[in-house]
Amino acid sequence: MATNKSALIRYRTIDNCLRNPYRKWTLEDLIDKVSDALYEYEGITTGVSKRTIQADIQLMRSDKLGYNAPIIVKERKYYVYDDPEYSITNSPITDADMGKMKEIVAVLKQLNGFQYFDEMSEMIARLENSLYKTEDKKQEFIQFEGNQRLRGIKYITPIYHAIVHKKPLLINYKSFKAIQARQSVYYPYLLKEYRNRWFLVSKQKSGKFLYNLALDRMEEVYELAAEPYVEYEGVDFNRYFDDVIGVSKTEKDRAQKVILWFNKDNAPYVITKPLHSSQQIVKNEEDGGIVIRIDVVLNFELEREILGFGDTVKVLSPRLLQKKIRKKLFSASQLYTEAETESED
């Protein structure tokens, strides 16, 4: 891989273009796209020459960088990947690149003590751990929660780029209930992580309301540079998830006062690890139990959180939530009752 920053930007931009099968790329198109990227990331206003892009394509085709990119020319005009699944991002990391990344992590570690970088602690530890595992796979000294089989992670960067630069996305999406994927244009607004799954808050071009799209259900994502972007008015996305546990929410949902009782065994856990940032202790009971209040939207994730405490928690209000939890617990107990009856037979 390249160690020159400008060159790497050029290669990545060309790669992103050729991975998009919904557009034909001429040499002039690639020059324009790379020039835009260099201005965006490096502030270079002089653009890029035709000779430079031609040389980049030849270098990407070769094995000098380890790419061996299958770039071909169709109709003597359009550049494409002969293998639609190919990407230079799948190429192995060289020793030179590993050294550069170590230097970057070392600088970030020095900045970690400053107040503005407090939130970077976990990210820096993740970066350092990833580099260590890449070099030496014998032992780990820190383990983060993760899912190695999780799909859709590769879409985080292009989606983030589309949000920042206000670009619509063409997304091929297959929900859990759908038989086949459906392709639509979406306006992306916010990326959200919850329990190692990533979600995109967006609006479908043909719709009126916000949708939460799971990245692991996306099959293809392409930026539509020529399509106009539509803002979503009336929603502060910086605070969109402040009143919710999880991601299940619509712009019309409002937080409700939820009162929960926990027994003495789980009270210390709930106190040290609050269910939500709004959590308040309403009552400390003599036997060590507690009553807390949280102000959150009633959704599936809240119910799952409560059910996870089993018989150590009781919903005191609202009545609607209490009824739902009671019904689910009854259904769960019925499963075991039926199993006991079958075993006796």
Protein backbone atom coordinates (compact mmCIF):
# COMPACT_ATOMS: atom_id res chain seq x y z
CA MET A 1 0.00 0.00 0.00
CA ALA A 2 1.07 3.59 -0.53
CA THR A 3 2.69 5.66 2.21
CA ASN A 4 2.30 9.03 0.46
CA LYS A 5 -0.92 10.61 1.69
CA SER A 6 -1.90 12.34 -1.57
CA ALA A 7 -1.19 9.20 -3.57
CA LEU A 8 -3.25 7.10 -1.17
CA ILE A 9 -6.16 9.53 -1.55
CA ARG A 10 -5.91 9.17 -5.33
CA TYR A 11 -5.83 5.37 -5.21
CA ARG A 12 -8.74 5.16 -2.76
CA THR A 13 -10.80 7.58 -4.83
CA ILE A 14 -10.19 5.64 -8.05
CA ASP A 15 -11.03 2.43 -6.19
CA ASN A 16 -14.31 3.87 -4.87
CA CYS A 17 -15.26 4.98 -8.37
CA LEU A 18 -14.54 1.66 -10.05
CA ARG A 19 -16.46 -0.22 -7.37
CA ASN A 20 -19.63 1.63 -8.35
CA PRO A 21 -21.28 -0.34 -11.19
CA TYR A 22 -24.07 2.19 -11.56
CA ARG A 23 -21.87 4.69 -13.33
CA LYS A 24 -19.45 4.52 -16.25
CA TRP A 25 -16.11 6.18 -15.53
CA THR A 26 -14.10 7.88 -18.24
CA LEU A 27 -10.57 9.10 -17.60
CA GLU A 28 -11.92 12.66 -17.39
CA ASP A 29 -14.50 11.56 -14.80
CA LEU A 30 -11.77 10.00 -12.67
CA ILE A 31 -9.65 13.15 -12.94
CA ASP A 32 -12.56 15.29 -11.74
CA LYS A 33 -13.37 12.94 -8.87
CA VAL A 34 -9.76 12.72 -7.70
CA SER A 35 -9.34 16.49 -7.95
CA ASP A 36 -12.41 16.94 -5.73
CA ALA A 37 -11.04 14.47 -3.19
CA LEU A 38 -7.62 16.17 -3.06
CA TYR A 39 -9.27 19.52 -2.48
CA GLU A 40 -11.54 18.06 0.18
CA TYR A 41 -8.89 16.24 2.18
CA GLU A 42 -5.71 18.17 1.41
CA GLY A 43 -6.89 21.60 0.27
CA ILE A 44 -5.11 21.14 -3.07
CA THR A 45 -6.68 23.54 -5.58
CA THR A 46 -4.51 22.73 -8.60
CA GLY A 47 -6.30 19.46 -9.31
CA VAL A 48 -4.51 16.49 -10.83
CA SER A 49 -3.09 15.89 -14.27
CA LYS A 50 -4.17 13.31 -16.82
CA ARG A 51 -0.68 11.81 -16.78
CA THR A 52 -0.82 11.34 -12.98
CA ILE A 53 -4.11 9.43 -13.10
CA GLN A 54 -2.88 7.26 -15.96
CA ALA A 55 0.26 6.48 -13.96
CA ASP A 56 -1.84 5.72 -10.89
CA ILE A 57 -3.99 3.26 -12.84
CA GLN A 58 -0.89 1.51 -14.18
CA LEU A 59 0.61 1.34 -10.69
CA MET A 60 -2.62 -0.07 -9.26
CA ARG A 61 -2.61 -2.74 -11.98
CA SER A 62 0.92 -3.78 -11.08
CA ASP A 63 2.17 -5.70 -8.05
CA LYS A 64 4.46 -2.89 -6.83
CA LEU A 65 1.91 -1.89 -4.18
CA GLY A 66 0.47 -5.37 -3.83
CA TYR A 67 -2.80 -4.32 -5.48
CA ASN A 68 -2.75 -6.18 -8.82
CA ALA A 69 -6.01 -4.37 -9.55
CA PRO A 70 -7.98 -5.95 -12.44
CA ILE A 71 -8.66 -2.61 -14.16
CA ILE A 72 -9.85 -2.91 -17.76
CA VAL A 73 -11.20 -0.50 -20.36
CA LYS A 74 -14.57 -1.18 -21.93
CA GLU A 75 -15.67 0.28 -25.26
CA ARG A 76 -12.18 1.85 -25.41
CA LYS A 77 -13.45 4.54 -23.04
CA TYR A 78 -14.79 3.37 -19.67
CA TYR A 79 -12.63 2.11 -16.80
CA VAL A 80 -14.04 -0.75 -14.69
CA TYR A 81 -12.92 -3.59 -12.45
CA ASP A 82 -13.04 -6.90 -14.33
CA ASP A 83 -13.87 -8.49 -10.97
CA PRO A 84 -16.85 -6.62 -9.43
CA GLU A 85 -15.91 -7.89 -5.96
CA TYR A 86 -12.39 -6.47 -6.10
CA SER A 87 -11.17 -3.57 -3.94
CA ILE A 88 -7.70 -2.35 -3.01
CA THR A 89 -8.92 -2.22 0.58
CA ASN A 90 -8.67 -6.02 0.62
CA SER A 91 -4.91 -5.86 -0.04
CA PRO A 92 -2.50 -6.84 2.76
CA ILE A 93 -0.79 -4.17 4.88
CA THR A 94 2.93 -3.66 4.21
CA ASP A 95 5.62 -3.24 6.87
CA ALA A 96 5.97 0.42 5.87
CA ASP A 97 2.28 1.05 6.45
CA MET A 98 2.41 -0.80 9.75
CA GLY A 99 5.23 1.49 10.85
CA LYS A 100 3.26 4.59 9.86
CA MET A 101 0.19 3.42 11.79
CA LYS A 102 2.32 2.77 14.87
CA GLU A 103 3.62 6.33 14.67
CA ILE A 104 0.06 7.67 14.45
CA VAL A 105 -1.09 5.62 17.44
CA ALA A 106 1.96 6.81 19.41
CA VAL A 107 1.00 10.45 18.75
CA LEU A 108 -2.63 9.79 19.74
CA LYS A 109 -1.44 8.19 22.99
CA GLN A 110 0.50 11.35 23.83
CA LEU A 111 -2.64 13.45 23.27
CA ASN A 112 -4.80 11.11 25.31
CA GLY A 113 -4.06 12.94 28.55
CA PHE A 114 -5.61 16.18 27.36
CA GLN A 115 -9.20 17.00 28.26
CA TYR A 116 -10.43 17.31 24.67
CA PHE A 117 -9.20 13.79 23.90
CA ASP A 118 -10.75 11.97 26.88
CA GLU A 119 -13.32 10.25 24.67
CA MET A 120 -10.53 8.83 22.49
CA SER A 121 -9.18 6.49 25.18
CA GLU A 122 -11.15 3.43 24.05
CA MET A 123 -10.54 4.15 20.36
CA ILE A 124 -6.77 4.45 20.90
CA ALA A 125 -6.74 1.21 22.87
CA ARG A 126 -8.67 -0.51 20.07
CA LEU A 127 -6.22 0.79 17.44
CA GLU A 128 -3.20 -0.31 19.43
CA ASN A 129 -4.72 -3.72 20.11
CA SER A 130 -5.56 -4.21 16.41
CA LEU A 131 -2.03 -3.36 15.36
CA TYR A 132 -0.60 -5.72 17.96
CA LYS A 133 -2.86 -8.58 16.84
CA THR A 134 -1.88 -7.98 13.21
CA GLU A 135 1.82 -8.26 14.06
CA ASP A 136 1.69 -10.92 16.77
CA LYS A 137 -1.30 -13.24 16.88
CA LYS A 138 -0.01 -15.31 19.78
CA GLN A 139 -1.53 -13.39 22.68
CA GLU A 140 -3.93 -10.55 23.46
CA PHE A 141 -3.60 -8.25 26.46
CA ILE A 142 -6.97 -6.54 26.09
CA GLN A 143 -10.22 -7.83 24.63
CA PHE A 144 -13.12 -5.69 23.45
CA GLU A 145 -16.67 -6.75 22.92
CA GLY A 146 -17.15 -7.55 19.26
CA ASN A 147 -18.66 -9.82 16.66
CA GLN A 148 -16.21 -11.16 14.10
CA ARG A 149 -19.04 -12.33 11.87
CA LEU A 150 -20.86 -9.01 11.85
CA ARG A 151 -21.65 -7.82 8.35
CA GLY A 152 -21.89 -4.28 7.02
CA ILE A 153 -18.89 -2.77 8.82
CA LYS A 154 -17.30 -1.89 5.45
CA TYR A 155 -20.13 0.55 4.79
CA ILE A 156 -19.38 2.76 7.81
CA THR A 157 -16.77 4.90 6.03
CA PRO A 158 -18.71 5.59 2.81
CA ILE A 159 -21.91 6.27 4.75
CA TYR A 160 -20.11 8.60 7.13
CA HIS A 161 -18.62 10.42 4.14
CA ALA A 162 -22.07 10.75 2.58
CA ILE A 163 -23.52 12.20 5.80
CA VAL A 164 -20.72 14.74 6.22
CA HIS A 165 -20.83 15.85 2.59
CA LYS A 166 -24.61 15.56 2.20
CA LYS A 167 -24.73 12.96 -0.55
CA PRO A 168 -27.71 10.67 -1.20
CA LEU A 169 -27.10 6.93 -1.15
CA LEU A 170 -28.41 4.13 -3.32
CA ILE A 171 -28.86 1.23 -0.88
CA ASN A 172 -29.75 -2.35 -1.65
CA TYR A 173 -31.45 -3.41 1.58
CA LYS A 174 -32.92 -6.69 2.72
CA SER A 175 -34.86 -6.60 5.98
CA PHE A 176 -35.27 -9.72 8.11
CA LYS A 177 -38.85 -10.09 6.91
CA ALA A 178 -38.13 -9.53 3.20
CA ILE A 179 -37.73 -12.38 0.72
CA GLN A 180 -35.40 -10.36 -1.49
CA ALA A 181 -33.45 -7.10 -1.26
CA ARG A 182 -35.02 -3.83 -2.32
CA GLN A 183 -33.09 -0.94 -3.87
CA SER A 184 -33.97 2.64 -2.90
CA VAL A 185 -32.45 6.10 -2.63
CA TYR A 186 -31.93 7.34 0.94
CA TYR A 187 -30.82 10.63 2.46
CA PRO A 188 -28.41 9.73 5.31
CA TYR A 189 -28.40 11.77 8.54
CA LEU A 190 -26.82 9.84 11.40
CA LEU A 191 -24.83 6.67 12.15
CA LYS A 192 -25.60 4.97 15.48
CA GLU A 193 -23.96 1.99 17.19
CA TYR A 194 -25.85 -0.19 19.66
CA ARG A 195 -24.56 -3.47 21.06
CA ASN A 196 -22.01 -3.95 18.29
CA ARG A 197 -24.54 -3.35 15.53
CA TRP A 198 -24.55 -0.22 13.39
CA PHE A 199 -27.64 1.62 12.18
CA LEU A 200 -28.26 4.46 9.76
CA VAL A 201 -30.95 7.03 10.47
CA SER A 202 -32.18 8.16 7.08
CA LYS A 203 -35.18 9.10 4.98
CA GLN A 204 -36.22 7.26 1.87
CA LYS A 205 -36.55 9.47 -1.19
CA SER A 206 -40.12 8.30 -1.75
CA GLY A 207 -41.09 8.48 1.94
CA LYS A 208 -41.83 11.08 4.59
CA PHE A 209 -40.51 9.52 7.79
CA LEU A 210 -37.16 8.52 9.26
CA TYR A 211 -35.95 4.92 9.02
CA ASN A 212 -33.36 2.99 11.00
CA LEU A 213 -31.46 0.80 8.55
CA ALA A 214 -29.17 -1.90 9.97
CA LEU A 215 -25.83 -1.93 8.19
CA ASP A 216 -25.66 -5.71 8.43
CA ARG A 217 -28.79 -5.91 6.25
CA MET A 218 -27.28 -3.78 3.51
CA GLU A 219 -26.06 -5.64 0.43
CA GLU A 220 -24.81 -2.70 -1.63
CA VAL A 221 -24.21 1.00 -0.92
CA TYR A 222 -23.37 3.59 -3.57
CA GLU A 223 -23.02 7.35 -3.37
CA LEU A 224 -25.12 9.30 -5.87
CA ALA A 225 -23.11 12.42 -6.64
CA ALA A 226 -25.60 13.80 -9.18
CA GLU A 227 -28.70 13.30 -7.02
CA PRO A 228 -29.78 16.35 -4.95
CA TYR A 229 -29.65 15.92 -1.17
CA VAL A 230 -32.69 16.67 1.00
CA GLU A 231 -32.28 17.82 4.61
CA TYR A 232 -34.69 16.59 7.29
CA GLU A 233 -36.19 19.56 9.10
CA GLY A 234 -37.40 19.72 12.68
CA VAL A 235 -35.07 17.10 14.21
CA ASP A 236 -31.92 17.74 16.25
CA PHE A 237 -29.90 14.64 15.38
CA ASN A 238 -27.32 15.50 18.06
CA ARG A 239 -30.01 14.71 20.65
CA TYR A 240 -32.15 12.28 18.67
CA PHE A 241 -31.25 9.25 20.82
CA ASP A 242 -30.95 11.06 24.18
CA ASP A 243 -34.30 9.73 25.41
CA VAL A 244 -34.05 6.15 24.18
CA ILE A 245 -32.43 2.85 25.10
CA GLY A 246 -31.34 1.23 21.84
CA VAL A 247 -32.30 2.56 18.41
CA SER A 248 -36.02 1.87 17.98
CA LYS A 249 -37.61 5.29 17.76
CA THR A 250 -39.54 7.56 15.44
CA GLU A 251 -39.43 11.36 15.43
CA LYS A 252 -42.93 11.36 16.98
CA ASP A 253 -42.02 9.20 20.00
CA ARG A 254 -41.69 10.97 23.35
CA ALA A 255 -40.06 9.85 26.58
CA GLN A 256 -42.25 8.51 29.37
CA LYS A 257 -41.62 8.21 33.08
CA VAL A 258 -40.67 4.59 33.82
CA ILE A 259 -40.51 3.45 37.46
CA LEU A 260 -38.68 0.19 38.24
CA TRP A 261 -38.03 -1.74 41.44
CA PHE A 262 -34.86 -3.84 41.81
CA ASN A 263 -34.12 -6.27 44.60
CA LYS A 264 -31.03 -5.99 46.82
CA ASP A 265 -28.96 -8.36 44.66
CA ASN A 266 -29.17 -6.21 41.53
CA ALA A 267 -29.43 -2.77 43.16
CA PRO A 268 -25.61 -2.24 43.29
CA TYR A 269 -25.33 -3.22 39.62
CA VAL A 270 -28.02 -0.76 38.55
CA ILE A 271 -26.52 2.02 40.68
CA THR A 272 -22.99 1.60 39.28
CA LYS A 273 -24.16 0.95 35.72
CA PRO A 274 -27.28 3.08 35.11
CA LEU A 275 -29.82 1.84 32.59
CA HIS A 276 -30.01 5.34 31.08
CA SER A 277 -28.46 8.77 31.59
CA SER A 278 -31.78 10.04 33.02
CA GLN A 279 -31.75 7.47 35.85
CA GLN A 280 -32.66 8.75 39.32
CA ILE A 281 -33.01 6.85 42.59
CA VAL A 282 -36.54 7.40 43.87
CA LYS A 283 -36.26 5.27 46.99
CA ASN A 284 -33.68 3.25 48.92
CA GLU A 285 -35.46 0.40 50.70
CA GLU A 286 -34.42 -0.95 54.08
CA ASP A 287 -33.63 -4.41 52.73
CA GLY A 288 -31.22 -3.00 50.14
CA GLY A 289 -33.58 -2.83 47.19
CA ILE A 290 -34.12 0.37 45.23
CA VAL A 291 -36.77 2.11 43.16
CA ILE A 292 -35.47 4.09 40.17
CA ARG A 293 -36.92 6.37 37.53
CA ILE A 294 -35.80 6.70 33.91
CA ASP A 295 -37.35 8.91 31.25
CA VAL A 296 -37.23 6.99 28.00
CA VAL A 297 -39.23 6.02 24.93
CA LEU A 298 -41.13 2.74 25.31
CA ASN A 299 -39.58 0.37 22.79
CA PHE A 300 -38.39 -3.18 22.18
CA GLU A 301 -34.88 -2.57 23.55
CA LEU A 302 -36.26 -1.24 26.84
CA GLU A 303 -38.41 -4.34 27.22
CA ARG A 304 -35.44 -6.58 26.46
CA GLU A 305 -33.32 -4.71 29.03
CA ILE A 306 -35.97 -5.22 31.72
CA LEU A 307 -36.54 -8.88 30.82
CA GLY A 308 -32.79 -9.45 31.12
CA PHE A 309 -33.05 -8.90 34.89
CA GLY A 310 -35.58 -11.73 35.19
CA ASP A 311 -37.24 -12.02 38.58
CA THR A 312 -35.08 -9.33 40.20
CA VAL A 313 -37.00 -6.39 38.72
CA LYS A 314 -40.60 -5.21 38.68
CA VAL A 315 -42.18 -2.53 36.51
CA LEU A 316 -44.21 -0.20 38.73
CA SER A 317 -45.26 2.17 35.94
CA PRO A 318 -46.42 2.96 33.33
CA ARG A 319 -49.22 0.40 33.29
CA LEU A 320 -48.83 -0.27 29.55
CA LEU A 321 -45.21 -1.34 29.99
CA GLN A 322 -46.07 -3.37 33.08
CA LYS A 323 -48.73 -5.22 31.10
CA LYS A 324 -46.35 -5.99 28.23
CA ILE A 325 -43.64 -7.35 30.53
CA ARG A 326 -46.14 -9.47 32.47
CA LYS A 327 -47.48 -10.93 29.21
CA LYS A 328 -44.00 -11.80 27.95
CA LEU A 329 -43.01 -13.42 31.24
CA PHE A 330 -46.21 -15.47 31.23
CA SER A 331 -45.53 -16.63 27.67
CA ALA A 332 -41.99 -17.57 28.65
CA SER A 333 -43.17 -19.57 31.65
CA GLN A 334 -45.67 -21.38 29.43
CA LEU A 335 -42.80 -22.64 27.28
CA TYR A 336 -41.27 -24.37 30.31
CA THR A 337 -44.65 -25.64 31.48
CA GLU A 338 -45.22 -27.27 28.10
CA ALA A 339 -41.70 -28.75 28.16
CA GLU A 340 -42.29 -30.28 31.60
CA THR A 341 -45.60 -31.77 30.42
CA GLU A 342 -43.94 -33.30 27.35
CA SER A 343 -41.12 -34.80 29.45
CA GLU A 344 -43.63 -36.39 31.83
CA ASP A 345 -45.47 -37.95 28.89
